């Protein structure tokens, strides 16, 4: 997968280490919006940390593990989507997405997540694609619903962000249930 179109002027492609400066600038622009739900947004406070974060994903992808993609609109990085876990041996993966505030409401996160979920199931033969988000992260949960995923349950007090405990909703797509 090099580049896939998402919408007019928008595309999805690998978010590789050589794009660390661009990713760092995205985090600076969007960090306040991301930090309530994306702990990594607080950690990436300099280009070198962005490079290490992306390098970790690149190394995992080289071992057929987790992977990350960027969402660009009109040449500007406005979000991302990826597999926080990807285990081809067991057929299980977890998927998530994030957007800058100005990119919301255009179907970009849903489009990217749909492309990645379809690829995982149809091309890679994954059995289960999981989506999980804090119960207060309504935008993320709406993506899972638009993808037609089934809600499996709520993990109570499963996530701590900035000293606050959050419940996590777990959604999934199972191969053959589309």
Foldseek 3Di string as FASTA:
>chain_A
DAWDDQDVQKIKGFPALVCLVLVLVLLVQAVVVCQVWDVVSVVSNDSVSSSVVRVVQVVQVVVVWKGKMFMDGNRHTFWIKIWPTGDLVQLETEIFIDGGPVPPPPCRRLSVRLVVVCCSCVVSNRFKYKYKGFPPPVSGVVSLVVSVWAWDDKAFQPDDRPNDTTIMIMTMDGPPPD
